[in-house]
Structure formats: structure tokens, C-alpha cells
Amino acid sequence: MRVLASRWQGSVLVCGKCSKKLDGGFGEKGRTPLVKLLRQALGVKKGRKSDRGVVEVKCLGVCPKNAVVIVDGARPDRWMLVPAGADADEVVATLREHGNVLSPLPPPASPPLC
């Protein structure tokens, strides 16, 4: 077995099946997937070298009508149903107010002087 290090300090899982059903469903024209909007709103990149992750997964098994299911990695006991057309900034604000590690990162600690 091999273990890879990651810089992630938080993650959000987005149901890909829900996104596919909505044909995107977000953004100005309603054709942008939620995962793409969340990445833009949070300023995260793909990959393990980013400080946070927004990952599209196959299916979370909830399958709501006209909504996408997301799971906050810091609060796996609370799943969110994001209605089609919801503003990505509102979703990010909701994640942050519930104590998600997607909150702004604290500045790095300075090394001890001794």
C-alpha cells in the first residue's frame, strides 16, 4: 500500500449524478455544474497540492428533484440539498457559517525565535 500526502485542509463532495440530471443547473445561463462554481468561488484548484478540495463523486444516493447534494468533509453528518440556480456565494457562506474548514485559512504561524 502507498500513502500520498495532500495539502487539503477541507473538502466538499458534490454528487455528479444530481449535477448531470440538472444539465449543469447553475451560473448565469444555468449550464454550469455546481462543482465548477464552487471551485471558482473558493478559489481552489484541482489536485492534492491545493489547500482545499471540491470533488465530484458518482452518486450519494439521495437523488432530490431539481437540486444537487453536497457533503461537507468537516460535517459528514449534515448533507446539503442545493436547489438548481442557487448562488454559489450563498452556498459557500452557508458552508462557512456551519464551521466548515473551507473558512478562510489562518495565517501561517511564525517560527519560534529561540
N, C-alpha and C. Protein backbone atom coordinates (compact mmCIF):
# COMPACT_ATOMS: atom_id res chain seq x y z
N MET A 1 0.86 -1.16 0.00
CA MET A 1 0.00 0.00 0.00
C MET A 1 0.91 1.23 0.00
N ARG A 2 0.42 2.27 -0.67
CA ARG A 2 1.16 3.52 -0.76
C ARG A 2 0.29 4.66 -0.24
N VAL A 3 0.87 5.56 0.50
CA VAL A 3 0.15 6.70 1.06
C VAL A 3 0.71 7.97 0.42
N LEU A 4 -0.19 8.82 -0.06
CA LEU A 4 0.21 10.09 -0.65
C LEU A 4 -0.16 11.23 0.28
N ALA A 5 0.70 12.18 0.40
CA ALA A 5 0.42 13.36 1.22
C ALA A 5 -0.41 14.35 0.41
N SER A 6 -1.21 15.10 1.10
CA SER A 6 -2.03 16.12 0.47
C SER A 6 -1.98 17.38 1.32
N ARG A 7 -2.22 18.52 0.71
CA ARG A 7 -2.24 19.78 1.45
C ARG A 7 -3.67 20.17 1.85
N TRP A 8 -4.63 19.33 1.54
CA TRP A 8 -6.02 19.66 1.81
C TRP A 8 -6.26 19.86 3.30
N GLN A 9 -6.99 20.93 3.60
CA GLN A 9 -7.42 21.18 4.97
C GLN A 9 -8.94 21.17 5.06
N GLY A 10 -9.59 20.84 3.97
CA GLY A 10 -11.03 20.76 3.92
C GLY A 10 -11.47 20.23 2.58
N SER A 11 -12.68 19.67 2.54
CA SER A 11 -13.19 19.14 1.29
C SER A 11 -14.71 19.20 1.26
N VAL A 12 -15.24 19.25 0.04
CA VAL A 12 -16.68 19.19 -0.19
C VAL A 12 -16.90 18.17 -1.29
N LEU A 13 -17.83 17.25 -1.07
CA LEU A 13 -18.20 16.26 -2.07
C LEU A 13 -19.48 16.71 -2.75
N VAL A 14 -19.51 16.68 -4.08
CA VAL A 14 -20.67 17.11 -4.85
C VAL A 14 -21.15 15.92 -5.67
N CYS A 15 -22.44 15.61 -5.59
CA CYS A 15 -23.00 14.47 -6.32
C CYS A 15 -23.01 14.74 -7.83
N GLY A 16 -22.30 13.91 -8.56
CA GLY A 16 -22.20 14.06 -10.01
C GLY A 16 -23.49 13.66 -10.72
N LYS A 17 -24.22 12.70 -10.18
CA LYS A 17 -25.46 12.26 -10.81
C LYS A 17 -26.52 13.36 -10.74
N CYS A 18 -26.59 14.04 -9.60
CA CYS A 18 -27.53 15.16 -9.47
C CYS A 18 -27.18 16.26 -10.46
N SER A 19 -25.87 16.57 -10.56
CA SER A 19 -25.43 17.61 -11.49
C SER A 19 -25.77 17.25 -12.92
N LYS A 20 -25.60 15.99 -13.25
CA LYS A 20 -25.88 15.54 -14.62
C LYS A 20 -27.38 15.66 -14.93
N LYS A 21 -28.22 15.33 -13.95
CA LYS A 21 -29.67 15.43 -14.14
C LYS A 21 -30.10 16.87 -14.42
N LEU A 22 -29.40 17.82 -13.78
CA LEU A 22 -29.75 19.23 -13.96
C LEU A 22 -29.12 19.83 -15.20
N ASP A 23 -28.25 19.08 -15.85
CA ASP A 23 -27.54 19.58 -17.03
C ASP A 23 -26.77 20.84 -16.66
N GLY A 24 -26.08 20.77 -15.54
CA GLY A 24 -25.38 21.94 -15.01
C GLY A 24 -26.24 22.57 -13.94
N GLY A 25 -27.17 23.41 -14.36
CA GLY A 25 -28.17 23.98 -13.45
C GLY A 25 -27.78 25.23 -12.70
N PHE A 26 -26.54 25.70 -12.85
CA PHE A 26 -26.08 26.86 -12.09
C PHE A 26 -25.41 27.85 -13.02
N GLY A 27 -25.09 29.01 -12.49
CA GLY A 27 -24.46 30.05 -13.29
C GLY A 27 -25.47 30.91 -14.01
N GLU A 28 -24.98 31.89 -14.77
CA GLU A 28 -25.86 32.84 -15.46
C GLU A 28 -26.84 32.18 -16.40
N LYS A 29 -26.37 31.25 -17.20
CA LYS A 29 -27.23 30.60 -18.19
C LYS A 29 -27.79 29.27 -17.70
N GLY A 30 -27.46 28.88 -16.46
CA GLY A 30 -27.99 27.63 -15.92
C GLY A 30 -27.36 26.39 -16.53
N ARG A 31 -26.14 26.51 -17.05
CA ARG A 31 -25.50 25.37 -17.68
C ARG A 31 -24.18 24.98 -17.01
N THR A 32 -23.79 25.69 -15.96
CA THR A 32 -22.53 25.42 -15.28
C THR A 32 -22.76 24.46 -14.12
N PRO A 33 -21.94 23.41 -14.00
CA PRO A 33 -22.07 22.49 -12.86
C PRO A 33 -21.71 23.18 -11.53
N LEU A 34 -22.35 22.75 -10.46
CA LEU A 34 -22.10 23.33 -9.14
C LEU A 34 -20.65 23.16 -8.73
N VAL A 35 -20.05 22.03 -9.04
CA VAL A 35 -18.66 21.79 -8.63
C VAL A 35 -17.74 22.85 -9.24
N LYS A 36 -17.98 23.25 -10.45
CA LYS A 36 -17.14 24.26 -11.11
C LYS A 36 -17.34 25.62 -10.45
N LEU A 37 -18.59 25.97 -10.15
CA LEU A 37 -18.87 27.26 -9.50
C LEU A 37 -18.27 27.32 -8.09
N LEU A 38 -18.33 26.20 -7.36
CA LEU A 38 -17.76 26.19 -6.01
C LEU A 38 -16.25 26.34 -6.06
N ARG A 39 -15.61 25.68 -7.01
CA ARG A 39 -14.16 25.82 -7.16
C ARG A 39 -13.79 27.27 -7.44
N GLN A 40 -14.57 27.92 -8.33
CA GLN A 40 -14.29 29.32 -8.65
C GLN A 40 -14.52 30.22 -7.44
N ALA A 41 -15.64 30.01 -6.74
CA ALA A 41 -15.99 30.85 -5.60
C ALA A 41 -14.98 30.72 -4.46
N LEU A 42 -14.44 29.51 -4.28
CA LEU A 42 -13.47 29.27 -3.22
C LEU A 42 -12.04 29.51 -3.66
N GLY A 43 -11.85 29.64 -4.96
CA GLY A 43 -10.50 29.86 -5.48
C GLY A 43 -9.61 28.64 -5.37
N VAL A 44 -10.20 27.44 -5.44
CA VAL A 44 -9.39 26.22 -5.34
C VAL A 44 -9.10 25.64 -6.72
N LYS A 45 -8.03 24.94 -6.78
CA LYS A 45 -7.63 24.25 -8.00
C LYS A 45 -7.89 22.76 -7.81
N LYS A 46 -7.78 22.01 -8.89
CA LYS A 46 -7.90 20.56 -8.79
C LYS A 46 -6.58 19.99 -8.27
N GLY A 47 -6.65 18.85 -7.66
CA GLY A 47 -5.44 18.15 -7.27
C GLY A 47 -5.13 18.21 -5.79
N ARG A 48 -4.21 17.36 -5.40
CA ARG A 48 -3.86 17.22 -3.98
C ARG A 48 -2.95 18.32 -3.46
N LYS A 49 -2.39 19.14 -4.35
CA LYS A 49 -1.49 20.20 -3.91
C LYS A 49 -2.24 21.49 -3.57
N SER A 50 -3.52 21.52 -3.81
CA SER A 50 -4.35 22.65 -3.42
C SER A 50 -4.55 22.60 -1.91
N ASP A 51 -4.94 23.70 -1.29
CA ASP A 51 -5.17 23.70 0.16
C ASP A 51 -6.55 23.18 0.54
N ARG A 52 -7.45 23.12 -0.43
CA ARG A 52 -8.81 22.61 -0.20
C ARG A 52 -9.24 21.83 -1.43
N GLY A 53 -10.31 21.03 -1.26
CA GLY A 53 -10.77 20.26 -2.40
C GLY A 53 -12.27 20.30 -2.56
N VAL A 54 -12.71 20.40 -3.81
CA VAL A 54 -14.12 20.25 -4.16
C VAL A 54 -14.14 19.12 -5.18
N VAL A 55 -14.75 18.00 -4.79
CA VAL A 55 -14.67 16.78 -5.58
C VAL A 55 -16.06 16.34 -6.01
N GLU A 56 -16.19 16.02 -7.29
CA GLU A 56 -17.45 15.46 -7.79
C GLU A 56 -17.36 13.95 -7.66
N VAL A 57 -18.35 13.36 -7.00
CA VAL A 57 -18.41 11.91 -6.79
C VAL A 57 -19.56 11.32 -7.60
N LYS A 58 -19.60 10.00 -7.74
CA LYS A 58 -20.61 9.38 -8.60
C LYS A 58 -22.04 9.66 -8.14
N CYS A 59 -22.49 9.03 -7.08
CA CYS A 59 -23.87 9.24 -6.61
C CYS A 59 -23.89 9.07 -5.10
N LEU A 60 -24.56 9.98 -4.42
CA LEU A 60 -24.66 9.90 -2.97
C LEU A 60 -25.95 9.22 -2.52
N GLY A 61 -26.81 8.85 -3.47
CA GLY A 61 -27.98 8.04 -3.16
C GLY A 61 -29.20 8.77 -2.63
N VAL A 62 -29.19 10.09 -2.62
CA VAL A 62 -30.35 10.84 -2.11
C VAL A 62 -31.29 11.18 -3.26
N CYS A 63 -30.77 11.65 -4.36
CA CYS A 63 -31.50 11.94 -5.60
C CYS A 63 -32.71 12.87 -5.42
N PRO A 64 -32.49 14.11 -4.97
CA PRO A 64 -33.60 15.06 -4.85
C PRO A 64 -34.00 15.61 -6.22
N LYS A 65 -35.21 16.12 -6.32
CA LYS A 65 -35.65 16.73 -7.58
C LYS A 65 -35.14 18.17 -7.63
N ASN A 66 -34.58 18.56 -8.78
CA ASN A 66 -34.12 19.92 -9.02
C ASN A 66 -33.15 20.45 -7.97
N ALA A 67 -32.25 19.59 -7.49
CA ALA A 67 -31.25 20.00 -6.51
C ALA A 67 -30.03 19.09 -6.63
N VAL A 68 -28.93 19.55 -6.04
CA VAL A 68 -27.69 18.78 -6.00
C VAL A 68 -27.32 18.55 -4.54
N VAL A 69 -26.90 17.34 -4.21
CA VAL A 69 -26.50 17.01 -2.85
C VAL A 69 -25.01 17.29 -2.70
N ILE A 70 -24.65 17.98 -1.59
CA ILE A 70 -23.23 18.17 -1.28
C ILE A 70 -22.99 17.74 0.16
N VAL A 71 -21.77 17.26 0.41
CA VAL A 71 -21.38 16.83 1.75
C VAL A 71 -20.12 17.59 2.14
N ASP A 72 -20.18 18.24 3.26
CA ASP A 72 -19.04 18.95 3.82
C ASP A 72 -18.17 17.93 4.54
N GLY A 73 -16.90 17.82 4.15
CA GLY A 73 -16.00 16.86 4.76
C GLY A 73 -15.81 17.07 6.25
N ALA A 74 -15.97 18.31 6.72
CA ALA A 74 -15.82 18.61 8.15
C ALA A 74 -17.09 18.25 8.93
N ARG A 75 -18.23 18.18 8.25
CA ARG A 75 -19.51 17.86 8.89
C ARG A 75 -20.23 16.77 8.10
N PRO A 76 -19.68 15.55 8.09
CA PRO A 76 -20.30 14.49 7.29
C PRO A 76 -21.69 14.06 7.79
N ASP A 77 -22.08 14.52 8.96
CA ASP A 77 -23.39 14.18 9.50
C ASP A 77 -24.49 15.09 8.97
N ARG A 78 -24.14 16.16 8.22
CA ARG A 78 -25.13 17.11 7.68
C ARG A 78 -24.90 17.26 6.19
N TRP A 79 -25.85 16.80 5.40
CA TRP A 79 -25.77 16.91 3.95
C TRP A 79 -26.65 18.08 3.51
N MET A 80 -26.23 18.77 2.48
CA MET A 80 -26.98 19.93 1.99
C MET A 80 -27.61 19.62 0.64
N LEU A 81 -28.84 20.06 0.45
CA LEU A 81 -29.51 19.98 -0.85
C LEU A 81 -29.50 21.40 -1.42
N VAL A 82 -28.76 21.57 -2.51
CA VAL A 82 -28.62 22.89 -3.13
C VAL A 82 -29.57 22.96 -4.32
N PRO A 83 -30.61 23.81 -4.27
CA PRO A 83 -31.56 23.89 -5.37
C PRO A 83 -30.91 24.44 -6.64
N ALA A 84 -31.41 23.99 -7.78
CA ALA A 84 -30.90 24.47 -9.07
C ALA A 84 -30.99 25.99 -9.13
N GLY A 85 -29.94 26.60 -9.65
CA GLY A 85 -29.91 28.05 -9.79
C GLY A 85 -29.45 28.80 -8.57
N ALA A 86 -29.16 28.09 -7.46
CA ALA A 86 -28.70 28.76 -6.25
C ALA A 86 -27.37 29.47 -6.52
N ASP A 87 -27.16 30.56 -5.81
CA ASP A 87 -25.94 31.34 -5.96
C ASP A 87 -24.80 30.64 -5.24
N ALA A 88 -23.67 30.45 -5.92
CA ALA A 88 -22.52 29.74 -5.35
C ALA A 88 -21.99 30.46 -4.11
N ASP A 89 -22.05 31.79 -4.10
CA ASP A 89 -21.56 32.55 -2.93
C ASP A 89 -22.42 32.27 -1.70
N GLU A 90 -23.73 32.06 -1.90
CA GLU A 90 -24.60 31.72 -0.78
C GLU A 90 -24.27 30.34 -0.24
N VAL A 91 -23.99 29.41 -1.15
CA VAL A 91 -23.63 28.05 -0.73
C VAL A 91 -22.34 28.09 0.08
N VAL A 92 -21.35 28.83 -0.40
CA VAL A 92 -20.07 28.96 0.30
C VAL A 92 -20.30 29.60 1.67
N ALA A 93 -21.12 30.63 1.73
CA ALA A 93 -21.41 31.30 3.01
C ALA A 93 -22.07 30.32 3.99
N THR A 94 -22.98 29.50 3.50
CA THR A 94 -23.64 28.51 4.36
C THR A 94 -22.63 27.49 4.88
N LEU A 95 -21.74 27.04 4.00
CA LEU A 95 -20.70 26.10 4.43
C LEU A 95 -19.81 26.74 5.50
N ARG A 96 -19.45 27.98 5.30
CA ARG A 96 -18.57 28.66 6.26
C ARG A 96 -19.26 28.90 7.60
N GLU A 97 -20.54 29.25 7.58
CA GLU A 97 -21.22 29.54 8.85
C GLU A 97 -21.45 28.29 9.68
N HIS A 98 -21.43 27.13 9.05
CA HIS A 98 -21.59 25.88 9.79
C HIS A 98 -20.25 25.30 10.22
N GLY A 99 -19.21 26.13 10.22
CA GLY A 99 -17.94 25.70 10.77
C GLY A 99 -17.11 24.83 9.84
N ASN A 100 -17.31 24.97 8.55
CA ASN A 100 -16.54 24.18 7.61
C ASN A 100 -15.09 24.63 7.60
N VAL A 101 -14.19 23.70 7.33
CA VAL A 101 -12.79 24.06 7.21
C VAL A 101 -12.51 24.78 5.91
N LEU A 102 -13.55 25.08 5.14
CA LEU A 102 -13.38 25.89 3.94
C LEU A 102 -13.35 27.37 4.32
N SER A 103 -13.48 27.65 5.60
CA SER A 103 -13.37 29.03 6.05
C SER A 103 -11.99 29.54 5.70
N PRO A 104 -11.84 30.85 5.66
CA PRO A 104 -10.50 31.38 5.34
C PRO A 104 -9.45 30.76 6.24
N LEU A 105 -8.34 30.38 5.64
CA LEU A 105 -7.26 29.75 6.41
C LEU A 105 -6.58 30.79 7.28
N PRO A 106 -6.18 30.38 8.50
CA PRO A 106 -5.45 31.32 9.35
C PRO A 106 -4.07 31.55 8.77
N PRO A 107 -3.48 32.70 9.07
CA PRO A 107 -2.13 32.95 8.55
C PRO A 107 -1.16 31.93 9.15
N PRO A 108 -0.11 31.57 8.40
CA PRO A 108 0.84 30.60 8.94
C PRO A 108 1.51 31.13 10.19
N ALA A 109 1.75 30.23 11.13
CA ALA A 109 2.38 30.62 12.39
C ALA A 109 3.84 30.94 12.13
N SER A 110 4.30 31.96 12.82
CA SER A 110 5.71 32.32 12.66
C SER A 110 6.57 31.37 13.48
N PRO A 111 7.77 31.07 13.01
CA PRO A 111 8.63 30.14 13.75
C PRO A 111 9.08 30.75 15.07
N PRO A 112 9.35 29.91 16.06
CA PRO A 112 9.79 30.45 17.37
C PRO A 112 11.13 31.18 17.21
N LEU A 113 11.32 32.19 18.03
CA LEU A 113 12.53 32.99 17.95
C LEU A 113 13.71 32.34 18.65
N CYS A 114 13.49 31.41 19.55
CA CYS A 114 14.59 30.78 20.28
C CYS A 114 15.20 29.65 19.49
